[in-house]
N, C-alpha and C. Protein backbone atom coordinates (compact mmCIF):
# COMPACT_ATOMS: atom_id res chain seq x y z
N MET A 1 2.44 -10.89 9.03
CA MET A 1 1.16 -10.20 9.02
C MET A 1 1.32 -8.70 8.79
N LEU A 2 2.33 -8.12 9.39
CA LEU A 2 2.57 -6.69 9.22
C LEU A 2 2.79 -6.35 7.74
N GLN A 3 3.50 -7.21 7.04
CA GLN A 3 3.77 -6.96 5.62
C GLN A 3 2.47 -6.95 4.82
N GLN A 4 1.54 -7.88 5.10
CA GLN A 4 0.26 -7.90 4.39
C GLN A 4 -0.56 -6.65 4.71
N THR A 5 -0.50 -6.23 5.96
CA THR A 5 -1.22 -5.02 6.35
C THR A 5 -0.69 -3.82 5.58
N LEU A 6 0.63 -3.67 5.54
CA LEU A 6 1.22 -2.54 4.83
C LEU A 6 0.90 -2.60 3.34
N LEU A 7 0.95 -3.78 2.76
CA LEU A 7 0.61 -3.92 1.34
C LEU A 7 -0.84 -3.51 1.09
N ALA A 8 -1.74 -3.97 1.93
CA ALA A 8 -3.15 -3.62 1.76
C ALA A 8 -3.37 -2.11 1.90
N LEU A 9 -2.65 -1.48 2.82
CA LEU A 9 -2.81 -0.05 3.06
C LEU A 9 -2.11 0.81 2.02
N SER A 10 -1.31 0.21 1.18
CA SER A 10 -0.55 0.98 0.19
C SER A 10 -1.43 1.55 -0.93
N ASP A 11 -2.64 1.05 -1.06
CA ASP A 11 -3.52 1.50 -2.14
C ASP A 11 -4.57 2.48 -1.60
N PRO A 12 -4.72 3.64 -2.24
CA PRO A 12 -5.68 4.63 -1.74
C PRO A 12 -7.14 4.16 -1.78
N THR A 13 -7.50 3.34 -2.74
CA THR A 13 -8.87 2.82 -2.79
C THR A 13 -9.14 1.94 -1.59
N ARG A 14 -8.19 1.08 -1.23
CA ARG A 14 -8.38 0.21 -0.07
C ARG A 14 -8.43 1.03 1.23
N ARG A 15 -7.62 2.08 1.31
CA ARG A 15 -7.68 2.94 2.50
C ARG A 15 -9.05 3.60 2.60
N GLU A 16 -9.60 4.01 1.47
CA GLU A 16 -10.93 4.64 1.47
C GLU A 16 -12.01 3.63 1.86
N ILE A 17 -11.89 2.40 1.40
CA ILE A 17 -12.84 1.34 1.79
C ILE A 17 -12.80 1.15 3.30
N LEU A 18 -11.61 1.12 3.89
CA LEU A 18 -11.50 0.98 5.34
C LEU A 18 -12.15 2.15 6.06
N LYS A 19 -11.99 3.36 5.54
CA LYS A 19 -12.66 4.52 6.14
C LYS A 19 -14.17 4.35 6.12
N MET A 20 -14.68 3.85 4.99
CA MET A 20 -16.12 3.62 4.88
C MET A 20 -16.59 2.62 5.92
N LEU A 21 -15.82 1.56 6.11
CA LEU A 21 -16.23 0.49 7.01
C LEU A 21 -16.10 0.89 8.48
N ARG A 22 -15.37 1.97 8.77
CA ARG A 22 -15.35 2.50 10.14
C ARG A 22 -16.74 2.95 10.57
N GLN A 23 -17.56 3.32 9.60
CA GLN A 23 -18.92 3.79 9.89
C GLN A 23 -19.91 2.63 10.07
N GLY A 24 -19.47 1.40 9.77
CA GLY A 24 -20.35 0.23 9.90
C GLY A 24 -20.24 -0.67 8.69
N SER A 25 -20.86 -1.82 8.79
CA SER A 25 -20.75 -2.81 7.72
C SER A 25 -21.45 -2.32 6.45
N LYS A 26 -20.91 -2.78 5.33
CA LYS A 26 -21.44 -2.39 4.01
C LYS A 26 -21.39 -3.60 3.08
N THR A 27 -22.29 -3.63 2.11
CA THR A 27 -22.23 -4.65 1.07
C THR A 27 -21.24 -4.20 0.00
N ALA A 28 -20.84 -5.14 -0.85
CA ALA A 28 -19.94 -4.79 -1.96
C ALA A 28 -20.60 -3.75 -2.86
N GLY A 29 -21.90 -3.86 -3.06
CA GLY A 29 -22.62 -2.89 -3.88
C GLY A 29 -22.57 -1.48 -3.30
N GLU A 30 -22.75 -1.40 -1.98
CA GLU A 30 -22.69 -0.09 -1.32
C GLU A 30 -21.28 0.50 -1.43
N ILE A 31 -20.29 -0.35 -1.29
CA ILE A 31 -18.90 0.11 -1.42
C ILE A 31 -18.63 0.55 -2.85
N ASN A 32 -19.10 -0.24 -3.80
CA ASN A 32 -18.84 0.06 -5.22
C ASN A 32 -19.45 1.39 -5.64
N GLU A 33 -20.60 1.75 -5.06
CA GLU A 33 -21.28 3.01 -5.42
C GLU A 33 -20.39 4.23 -5.20
N ARG A 34 -19.47 4.12 -4.28
CA ARG A 34 -18.61 5.25 -3.90
C ARG A 34 -17.46 5.49 -4.89
N PHE A 35 -17.17 4.49 -5.71
CA PHE A 35 -15.99 4.55 -6.58
C PHE A 35 -16.37 4.49 -8.04
N ASP A 36 -15.51 5.02 -8.86
CA ASP A 36 -15.71 4.99 -10.30
C ASP A 36 -14.83 3.89 -10.92
N ILE A 37 -14.95 2.69 -10.37
CA ILE A 37 -14.24 1.53 -10.89
C ILE A 37 -15.21 0.36 -10.97
N SER A 38 -14.82 -0.68 -11.68
CA SER A 38 -15.72 -1.79 -11.94
C SER A 38 -15.95 -2.65 -10.68
N PRO A 39 -17.08 -3.34 -10.62
CA PRO A 39 -17.32 -4.26 -9.51
C PRO A 39 -16.23 -5.33 -9.34
N PRO A 40 -15.67 -5.90 -10.44
CA PRO A 40 -14.58 -6.85 -10.24
C PRO A 40 -13.34 -6.21 -9.58
N ALA A 41 -13.08 -4.95 -9.88
CA ALA A 41 -11.95 -4.26 -9.25
C ALA A 41 -12.20 -4.08 -7.76
N ILE A 42 -13.43 -3.72 -7.40
CA ILE A 42 -13.77 -3.61 -5.97
C ILE A 42 -13.64 -4.96 -5.29
N SER A 43 -14.08 -6.01 -5.95
CA SER A 43 -13.96 -7.36 -5.39
C SER A 43 -12.51 -7.72 -5.12
N ARG A 44 -11.63 -7.33 -6.02
CA ARG A 44 -10.20 -7.61 -5.82
C ARG A 44 -9.65 -6.83 -4.62
N HIS A 45 -10.04 -5.57 -4.51
CA HIS A 45 -9.63 -4.78 -3.35
C HIS A 45 -10.14 -5.41 -2.05
N LEU A 46 -11.38 -5.86 -2.07
CA LEU A 46 -11.94 -6.51 -0.88
C LEU A 46 -11.18 -7.80 -0.55
N ALA A 47 -10.79 -8.53 -1.58
CA ALA A 47 -10.03 -9.77 -1.36
C ALA A 47 -8.67 -9.47 -0.71
N VAL A 48 -8.01 -8.43 -1.17
CA VAL A 48 -6.71 -8.05 -0.59
C VAL A 48 -6.90 -7.67 0.88
N LEU A 49 -7.94 -6.91 1.17
CA LEU A 49 -8.21 -6.52 2.55
C LEU A 49 -8.56 -7.73 3.43
N ARG A 50 -9.27 -8.69 2.86
CA ARG A 50 -9.59 -9.91 3.61
C ARG A 50 -8.33 -10.74 3.85
N GLU A 51 -7.48 -10.85 2.85
CA GLU A 51 -6.23 -11.61 3.00
C GLU A 51 -5.34 -11.00 4.09
N ALA A 52 -5.39 -9.69 4.22
CA ALA A 52 -4.61 -8.99 5.25
C ALA A 52 -5.34 -9.00 6.59
N GLU A 53 -6.51 -9.62 6.62
CA GLU A 53 -7.35 -9.71 7.82
C GLU A 53 -7.72 -8.34 8.38
N LEU A 54 -7.91 -7.39 7.46
CA LEU A 54 -8.37 -6.06 7.84
C LEU A 54 -9.88 -5.94 7.79
N ILE A 55 -10.52 -6.84 7.05
CA ILE A 55 -11.98 -6.90 6.99
C ILE A 55 -12.41 -8.35 7.06
N GLU A 56 -13.68 -8.52 7.42
CA GLU A 56 -14.27 -9.85 7.36
C GLU A 56 -15.60 -9.76 6.62
N ALA A 57 -16.00 -10.89 6.08
CA ALA A 57 -17.25 -10.96 5.33
C ALA A 57 -18.26 -11.79 6.12
N ARG A 58 -19.50 -11.31 6.12
CA ARG A 58 -20.57 -11.99 6.83
C ARG A 58 -21.78 -12.06 5.89
N ARG A 59 -22.27 -13.26 5.66
CA ARG A 59 -23.41 -13.44 4.76
C ARG A 59 -24.72 -13.31 5.54
N GLU A 60 -25.62 -12.50 4.98
CA GLU A 60 -26.98 -12.37 5.51
C GLU A 60 -27.92 -12.50 4.32
N GLY A 61 -28.57 -13.63 4.22
CA GLY A 61 -29.43 -13.87 3.08
C GLY A 61 -28.62 -13.89 1.80
N LYS A 62 -29.02 -13.07 0.85
CA LYS A 62 -28.30 -13.04 -0.42
C LYS A 62 -27.19 -11.99 -0.45
N PHE A 63 -27.00 -11.27 0.64
CA PHE A 63 -25.98 -10.23 0.69
C PHE A 63 -24.79 -10.65 1.54
N ILE A 64 -23.62 -10.14 1.16
CA ILE A 64 -22.42 -10.31 1.96
C ILE A 64 -22.05 -8.94 2.49
N TYR A 65 -21.93 -8.85 3.80
CA TYR A 65 -21.57 -7.60 4.45
C TYR A 65 -20.10 -7.65 4.85
N TYR A 66 -19.41 -6.56 4.61
CA TYR A 66 -18.00 -6.45 4.96
C TYR A 66 -17.87 -5.55 6.18
N GLU A 67 -17.01 -5.98 7.11
CA GLU A 67 -16.82 -5.24 8.36
C GLU A 67 -15.33 -5.06 8.63
N LEU A 68 -15.00 -3.96 9.25
CA LEU A 68 -13.63 -3.64 9.62
C LEU A 68 -13.17 -4.52 10.78
N ILE A 69 -11.94 -4.99 10.71
CA ILE A 69 -11.28 -5.66 11.83
C ILE A 69 -10.15 -4.73 12.25
N SER A 70 -10.19 -4.23 13.45
CA SER A 70 -9.24 -3.19 13.83
C SER A 70 -7.92 -3.70 14.40
N TYR A 71 -7.85 -4.94 14.88
CA TYR A 71 -6.62 -5.34 15.57
C TYR A 71 -5.37 -5.30 14.70
N PRO A 72 -5.41 -5.59 13.38
CA PRO A 72 -4.18 -5.45 12.60
C PRO A 72 -3.69 -3.99 12.56
N LEU A 73 -4.63 -3.06 12.56
CA LEU A 73 -4.25 -1.65 12.56
C LEU A 73 -3.66 -1.26 13.92
N GLU A 74 -4.21 -1.85 14.97
CA GLU A 74 -3.66 -1.61 16.31
C GLU A 74 -2.25 -2.17 16.41
N ASP A 75 -2.02 -3.35 15.82
CA ASP A 75 -0.68 -3.93 15.80
C ASP A 75 0.29 -3.04 15.04
N LEU A 76 -0.17 -2.50 13.91
CA LEU A 76 0.67 -1.60 13.13
C LEU A 76 0.98 -0.34 13.93
N ASP A 77 -0.02 0.20 14.60
CA ASP A 77 0.17 1.38 15.43
C ASP A 77 1.20 1.10 16.52
N SER A 78 1.11 -0.04 17.16
CA SER A 78 2.08 -0.40 18.20
C SER A 78 3.48 -0.50 17.63
N TRP A 79 3.61 -1.11 16.46
CA TRP A 79 4.92 -1.25 15.83
C TRP A 79 5.52 0.12 15.51
N ILE A 80 4.70 1.01 14.96
CA ILE A 80 5.17 2.34 14.61
C ILE A 80 5.60 3.10 15.87
N ARG A 81 4.78 3.02 16.90
CA ARG A 81 5.13 3.71 18.16
C ARG A 81 6.43 3.17 18.74
N GLU A 82 6.60 1.87 18.69
CA GLU A 82 7.85 1.26 19.17
C GLU A 82 9.03 1.72 18.33
N PHE A 83 8.83 1.73 17.04
CA PHE A 83 9.89 2.18 16.12
C PHE A 83 10.28 3.61 16.41
N LEU A 84 9.31 4.47 16.62
CA LEU A 84 9.60 5.88 16.89
C LEU A 84 10.30 6.06 18.23
N ARG A 85 9.93 5.28 19.22
CA ARG A 85 10.59 5.37 20.53
C ARG A 85 12.06 4.96 20.43
N GLU A 86 12.34 3.95 19.61
CA GLU A 86 13.71 3.48 19.45
C GLU A 86 14.59 4.53 18.79
N ASN A 87 14.01 5.42 18.02
CA ASN A 87 14.78 6.42 17.29
C ASN A 87 14.84 7.76 18.01
N ASP A 88 14.31 7.84 19.19
CA ASP A 88 14.38 9.10 19.96
C ASP A 88 15.77 9.32 20.53
């Protein structure tokens, strides 16, 4: 799981999407408005984030809302803190 998280975070567009979702859920259209890339490219970024379990999708009517899942980031934070303690 850590490897998927790191892979997902390696892209600046995906990191920016996560920042957006910290403010609350957004539709793909709302996310796409922020970037100068195609909707299919945003969909691929969202898929990578979902595969890494960093976001989840929730359907409401005809819209799909994406929301941040924080526990993988907390796991990464714990791993980094442990790693840094071992090297002190």
